[in-house]
């Protein structure tokens, strides 16, 4: 199961350092684990999502693992007996903390400040497109349908027609 968690985390864009810290292994071990999972999946001819448990279980496991890794990293930071160890532990705290934050954002449990800014900018851009379409006498429903055909990658599910 660990191999699958590591492979899925990497496919999701997580950095090797964060994965390794959360799983309590070296980066080399994490890479080997992901490779084993991918090879096993390729042999069976199934895709990764077909062999994974319920997504809410995965999120709970990831968040729990990140919290354990963060607490352990903070403990190590407090117990460090030299500057080099403190710097290394501090970097791990930051890395694992970032991993936890990103896991919470991806799970939709915490809002991303970047996405809030982007959402506001997107609303302004959509309003400008509708104004421009009106200027050139393009019907609003045509603009609406066309904009909702655009593939979404982490964006709002649908464009809303502006008032007025």
C-alpha atoms as a PDB file:
ATOM      1  CA  UNK A   1       0.000   0.000   0.000  1.00  0.00           C
ATOM      2  CA  UNK A   2       2.894   2.382   0.742  1.00  0.00           C
ATOM      3  CA  UNK A   3       4.226   1.942  -2.792  1.00  0.00           C
ATOM      4  CA  UNK A   4       0.833   2.938  -4.213  1.00  0.00           C
ATOM      5  CA  UNK A   5       0.564   5.974  -1.910  1.00  0.00           C
ATOM      6  CA  UNK A   6       4.004   7.130  -3.004  1.00  0.00           C
ATOM      7  CA  UNK A   7       3.270   6.590  -6.702  1.00  0.00           C
ATOM      8  CA  UNK A   8      -0.033   8.464  -6.458  1.00  0.00           C
ATOM      9  CA  UNK A   9       1.532  11.354  -4.518  1.00  0.00           C
ATOM     10  CA  UNK A  10       4.239  11.724  -7.145  1.00  0.00           C
ATOM     11  CA  UNK A  11       1.669  11.581  -9.962  1.00  0.00           C
ATOM     12  CA  UNK A  12      -0.141  14.364  -8.127  1.00  0.00           C
ATOM     13  CA  UNK A  13       2.960  16.548  -8.392  1.00  0.00           C
ATOM     14  CA  UNK A  14       4.261  16.208  -4.863  1.00  0.00           C
ATOM     15  CA  UNK A  15       8.034  16.537  -4.446  1.00  0.00           C
ATOM     16  CA  UNK A  16      10.142  13.493  -3.584  1.00  0.00           C
ATOM     17  CA  UNK A  17      11.442  15.190  -0.419  1.00  0.00           C
ATOM     18  CA  UNK A  18       7.928  15.741   0.927  1.00  0.00           C
ATOM     19  CA  UNK A  19       6.833  12.202   0.054  1.00  0.00           C
ATOM     20  CA  UNK A  20       9.932  10.703   1.663  1.00  0.00           C
ATOM     21  CA  UNK A  21       9.516  12.774   4.838  1.00  0.00           C
ATOM     22  CA  UNK A  22       5.861  11.835   5.185  1.00  0.00           C
ATOM     23  CA  UNK A  23       6.521   8.133   4.625  1.00  0.00           C
ATOM     24  CA  UNK A  24       9.608   8.134   6.831  1.00  0.00           C
ATOM     25  CA  UNK A  25      11.939   6.866   4.089  1.00  0.00           C
ATOM     26  CA  UNK A  26      14.795   8.258   2.018  1.00  0.00           C
ATOM     27  CA  UNK A  27      14.122   9.882  -1.344  1.00  0.00           C
ATOM     28  CA  UNK A  28      15.832   6.921  -3.065  1.00  0.00           C
ATOM     29  CA  UNK A  29      13.505   4.499  -1.272  1.00  0.00           C
ATOM     30  CA  UNK A  30      10.485   6.606  -2.248  1.00  0.00           C
ATOM     31  CA  UNK A  31      11.585   6.557  -5.898  1.00  0.00           C
ATOM     32  CA  UNK A  32      12.074   2.771  -5.775  1.00  0.00           C
ATOM     33  CA  UNK A  33       8.669   2.329  -4.149  1.00  0.00           C
ATOM     34  CA  UNK A  34       6.940   4.389  -6.827  1.00  0.00           C
ATOM     35  CA  UNK A  35       8.755   2.428  -9.536  1.00  0.00           C
ATOM     36  CA  UNK A  36       7.643  -0.886  -7.960  1.00  0.00           C
ATOM     37  CA  UNK A  37       4.034   0.305  -7.828  1.00  0.00           C
ATOM     38  CA  UNK A  38       4.100   1.450 -11.453  1.00  0.00           C
ATOM     39  CA  UNK A  39       5.659  -1.853 -12.570  1.00  0.00           C
ATOM     40  CA  UNK A  40       3.095  -3.903 -10.624  1.00  0.00           C
ATOM     41  CA  UNK A  41       0.261  -1.875 -12.098  1.00  0.00           C
ATOM     42  CA  UNK A  42       1.672  -2.246 -15.620  1.00  0.00           C
ATOM     43  CA  UNK A  43       1.924  -6.041 -15.179  1.00  0.00           C
ATOM     44  CA  UNK A  44      -1.686  -6.294 -14.060  1.00  0.00           C
ATOM     45  CA  UNK A  45      -2.886  -4.019 -16.847  1.00  0.00           C
ATOM     46  CA  UNK A  46      -4.883  -1.765 -14.541  1.00  0.00           C
ATOM     47  CA  UNK A  47      -4.634   1.921 -13.958  1.00  0.00           C
ATOM     48  CA  UNK A  48      -3.656   3.388 -10.610  1.00  0.00           C
ATOM     49  CA  UNK A  49      -7.134   4.732  -9.734  1.00  0.00           C
ATOM     50  CA  UNK A  50      -8.619   1.216 -10.117  1.00  0.00           C
ATOM     51  CA  UNK A  51      -6.461  -0.176  -7.314  1.00  0.00           C
ATOM     52  CA  UNK A  52      -6.737   2.728  -4.881  1.00  0.00           C
ATOM     53  CA  UNK A  53      -9.219   2.869  -1.997  1.00  0.00           C
ATOM     54  CA  UNK A  54     -11.899   5.512  -1.497  1.00  0.00           C
ATOM     55  CA  UNK A  55     -10.469   9.027  -2.088  1.00  0.00           C
ATOM     56  CA  UNK A  56     -11.657  10.271   1.312  1.00  0.00           C
ATOM     57  CA  UNK A  57      -9.656   7.454   2.950  1.00  0.00           C
ATOM     58  CA  UNK A  58      -6.608   8.478   0.950  1.00  0.00           C
ATOM     59  CA  UNK A  59      -6.982  12.129   1.988  1.00  0.00           C
ATOM     60  CA  UNK A  60      -7.380  11.155   5.644  1.00  0.00           C
ATOM     61  CA  UNK A  61      -4.290   8.935   5.427  1.00  0.00           C
ATOM     62  CA  UNK A  62      -2.206  11.601   3.694  1.00  0.00           C
ATOM     63  CA  UNK A  63      -3.185  14.306   6.185  1.00  0.00           C
ATOM     64  CA  UNK A  64      -2.551  11.970   9.133  1.00  0.00           C
ATOM     65  CA  UNK A  65       0.868  10.993   7.714  1.00  0.00           C
ATOM     66  CA  UNK A  66       1.796  14.622   7.073  1.00  0.00           C
ATOM     67  CA  UNK A  67       0.816  15.524  10.650  1.00  0.00           C
ATOM     68  CA  UNK A  68       2.913  12.686  12.079  1.00  0.00           C
ATOM     69  CA  UNK A  69       5.868  13.735   9.913  1.00  0.00           C
ATOM     70  CA  UNK A  70       5.433  17.387  10.929  1.00  0.00           C
ATOM     71  CA  UNK A  71       5.266  16.579  14.642  1.00  0.00           C
ATOM     72  CA  UNK A  72       8.317  14.317  14.391  1.00  0.00           C
ATOM     73  CA  UNK A  73      10.222  16.993  12.459  1.00  0.00           C
ATOM     74  CA  UNK A  74       9.380  19.614  15.095  1.00  0.00           C
ATOM     75  CA  UNK A  75      10.508  17.182  17.821  1.00  0.00           C
ATOM     76  CA  UNK A  76      13.793  16.610  15.951  1.00  0.00           C
ATOM     77  CA  UNK A  77      14.261  20.373  15.603  1.00  0.00           C
ATOM     78  CA  UNK A  78      13.914  20.795  19.362  1.00  0.00           C
ATOM     79  CA  UNK A  79      16.278  17.896  20.073  1.00  0.00           C
ATOM     80  CA  UNK A  80      18.993  18.901  17.584  1.00  0.00           C
ATOM     81  CA  UNK A  81      22.383  19.190  19.281  1.00  0.00           C
ATOM     82  CA  UNK A  82      24.218  21.241  16.647  1.00  0.00           C
ATOM     83  CA  UNK A  83      23.586  23.964  14.092  1.00  0.00           C
ATOM     84  CA  UNK A  84      23.717  21.629  11.105  1.00  0.00           C
ATOM     85  CA  UNK A  85      21.102  19.312  12.611  1.00  0.00           C
ATOM     86  CA  UNK A  86      18.882  22.292  13.507  1.00  0.00           C
ATOM     87  CA  UNK A  87      19.078  23.676   9.965  1.00  0.00           C
ATOM     88  CA  UNK A  88      18.272  20.262   8.491  1.00  0.00           C
ATOM     89  CA  UNK A  89      15.350  19.758  10.864  1.00  0.00           C
ATOM     90  CA  UNK A  90      14.068  23.288  10.181  1.00  0.00           C
ATOM     91  CA  UNK A  91      14.127  22.622   6.434  1.00  0.00           C
ATOM     92  CA  UNK A  92      12.227  19.390   6.993  1.00  0.00           C
ATOM     93  CA  UNK A  93       9.612  21.202   9.104  1.00  0.00           C
ATOM     94  CA  UNK A  94       9.091  23.723   6.306  1.00  0.00           C
ATOM     95  CA  UNK A  95       8.977  21.038   3.608  1.00  0.00           C
ATOM     96  CA  UNK A  96       6.571  18.779   5.491  1.00  0.00           C
ATOM     97  CA  UNK A  97       4.451  21.755   6.566  1.00  0.00           C
ATOM     98  CA  UNK A  98       4.193  22.816   2.938  1.00  0.00           C
ATOM     99  CA  UNK A  99       3.259  19.264   1.969  1.00  0.00           C
ATOM    100  CA  UNK A 100       0.506  19.223   4.595  1.00  0.00           C
ATOM    101  CA  UNK A 101      -0.779  22.608   3.442  1.00  0.00           C
ATOM    102  CA  UNK A 102      -0.847  21.466  -0.195  1.00  0.00           C
ATOM    103  CA  UNK A 103      -2.610  18.202   0.753  1.00  0.00           C
ATOM    104  CA  UNK A 104      -5.287  20.198   2.570  1.00  0.00           C
ATOM    105  CA  UNK A 105      -5.679  22.556  -0.408  1.00  0.00           C
ATOM    106  CA  UNK A 106      -5.908  19.669  -2.896  1.00  0.00           C
ATOM    107  CA  UNK A 107      -8.514  17.983  -0.693  1.00  0.00           C
ATOM    108  CA  UNK A 108     -10.538  21.188  -0.679  1.00  0.00           C
ATOM    109  CA  UNK A 109     -10.252  21.476   3.103  1.00  0.00           C
ATOM    110  CA  UNK A 110      -8.288  24.739   2.978  1.00  0.00           C
ATOM    111  CA  UNK A 111      -8.656  27.501   0.424  1.00  0.00           C
ATOM    112  CA  UNK A 112      -5.611  28.447  -1.576  1.00  0.00           C
ATOM    113  CA  UNK A 113      -4.766  32.149  -1.392  1.00  0.00           C
ATOM    114  CA  UNK A 114      -3.450  31.902  -4.955  1.00  0.00           C
ATOM    115  CA  UNK A 115      -6.732  30.455  -6.209  1.00  0.00           C
ATOM    116  CA  UNK A 116      -8.745  33.143  -4.387  1.00  0.00           C
ATOM    117  CA  UNK A 117      -6.723  35.811  -6.182  1.00  0.00           C
ATOM    118  CA  UNK A 118      -7.042  33.929  -9.451  1.00  0.00           C
ATOM    119  CA  UNK A 119     -10.800  33.557  -8.999  1.00  0.00           C
ATOM    120  CA  UNK A 120     -11.169  37.312  -8.546  1.00  0.00           C
ATOM    121  CA  UNK A 121      -9.051  37.991 -11.622  1.00  0.00           C
ATOM    122  CA  UNK A 122     -11.011  35.393 -13.595  1.00  0.00           C
ATOM    123  CA  UNK A 123     -14.299  37.139 -12.739  1.00  0.00           C
ATOM    124  CA  UNK A 124     -12.899  40.459 -14.004  1.00  0.00           C
ATOM    125  CA  UNK A 125     -11.691  38.802 -17.216  1.00  0.00           C
ATOM    126  CA  UNK A 126     -15.062  37.129 -17.828  1.00  0.00           C
ATOM    127  CA  UNK A 127     -16.876  40.433 -17.343  1.00  0.00           C
ATOM    128  CA  UNK A 128     -14.504  42.069 -19.856  1.00  0.00           C
ATOM    129  CA  UNK A 129     -15.165  39.288 -22.378  1.00  0.00           C
ATOM    130  CA  UNK A 130     -18.930  39.787 -22.045  1.00  0.00           C
ATOM    131  CA  UNK A 131     -18.555  43.569 -22.505  1.00  0.00           C
ATOM    132  CA  UNK A 132     -16.444  43.021 -25.599  1.00  0.00           C
ATOM    133  CA  UNK A 133     -18.935  40.479 -26.966  1.00  0.00           C
ATOM    134  CA  UNK A 134     -21.764  42.963 -26.400  1.00  0.00           C
ATOM    135  CA  UNK A 135     -19.804  45.650 -28.235  1.00  0.00           C
ATOM    136  CA  UNK A 136     -19.486  43.368 -31.280  1.00  0.00           C
ATOM    137  CA  UNK A 137     -23.087  42.161 -30.923  1.00  0.00           C
ATOM    138  CA  UNK A 138     -22.191  38.570 -30.060  1.00  0.00           C
ATOM    139  CA  UNK A 139     -25.093  37.063 -28.092  1.00  0.00           C
ATOM    140  CA  UNK A 140     -24.299  36.439 -24.416  1.00  0.00           C
ATOM    141  CA  UNK A 141     -25.585  32.855 -24.596  1.00  0.00           C
ATOM    142  CA  UNK A 142     -23.065  32.081 -27.374  1.00  0.00           C
ATOM    143  CA  UNK A 143     -20.227  33.476 -25.233  1.00  0.00           C
ATOM    144  CA  UNK A 144     -21.546  31.525 -22.229  1.00  0.00           C
ATOM    145  CA  UNK A 145     -21.704  28.210 -24.111  1.00  0.00           C
ATOM    146  CA  UNK A 146     -18.293  28.725 -25.700  1.00  0.00           C
ATOM    147  CA  UNK A 147     -16.602  29.577 -22.407  1.00  0.00           C
ATOM    148  CA  UNK A 148     -18.092  26.506 -20.725  1.00  0.00           C
ATOM    149  CA  UNK A 149     -16.525  24.298 -23.401  1.00  0.00           C
ATOM    150  CA  UNK A 150     -13.023  25.282 -22.229  1.00  0.00           C
ATOM    151  CA  UNK A 151     -11.336  22.395 -20.364  1.00  0.00           C
ATOM    152  CA  UNK A 152     -10.982  23.108 -16.647  1.00  0.00           C
ATOM    153  CA  UNK A 153      -7.823  22.370 -14.700  1.00  0.00           C
ATOM    154  CA  UNK A 154      -8.516  23.379 -11.121  1.00  0.00           C
ATOM    155  CA  UNK A 155     -10.752  26.236 -12.241  1.00  0.00           C
ATOM    156  CA  UNK A 156     -14.396  26.877 -11.350  1.00  0.00           C
ATOM    157  CA  UNK A 157     -16.704  24.247 -12.876  1.00  0.00           C
ATOM    158  CA  UNK A 158     -18.712  26.705 -14.944  1.00  0.00           C
ATOM    159  CA  UNK A 159     -18.602  30.304 -16.026  1.00  0.00           C
ATOM    160  CA  UNK A 160     -21.449  32.377 -14.632  1.00  0.00           C
ATOM    161  CA  UNK A 161     -23.092  35.003 -16.785  1.00  0.00           C
ATOM    162  CA  UNK A 162     -22.510  38.409 -15.187  1.00  0.00           C
ATOM    163  CA  UNK A 163     -25.461  40.529 -14.079  1.00  0.00           C
ATOM    164  CA  UNK A 164     -26.316  43.394 -16.358  1.00  0.00           C
END
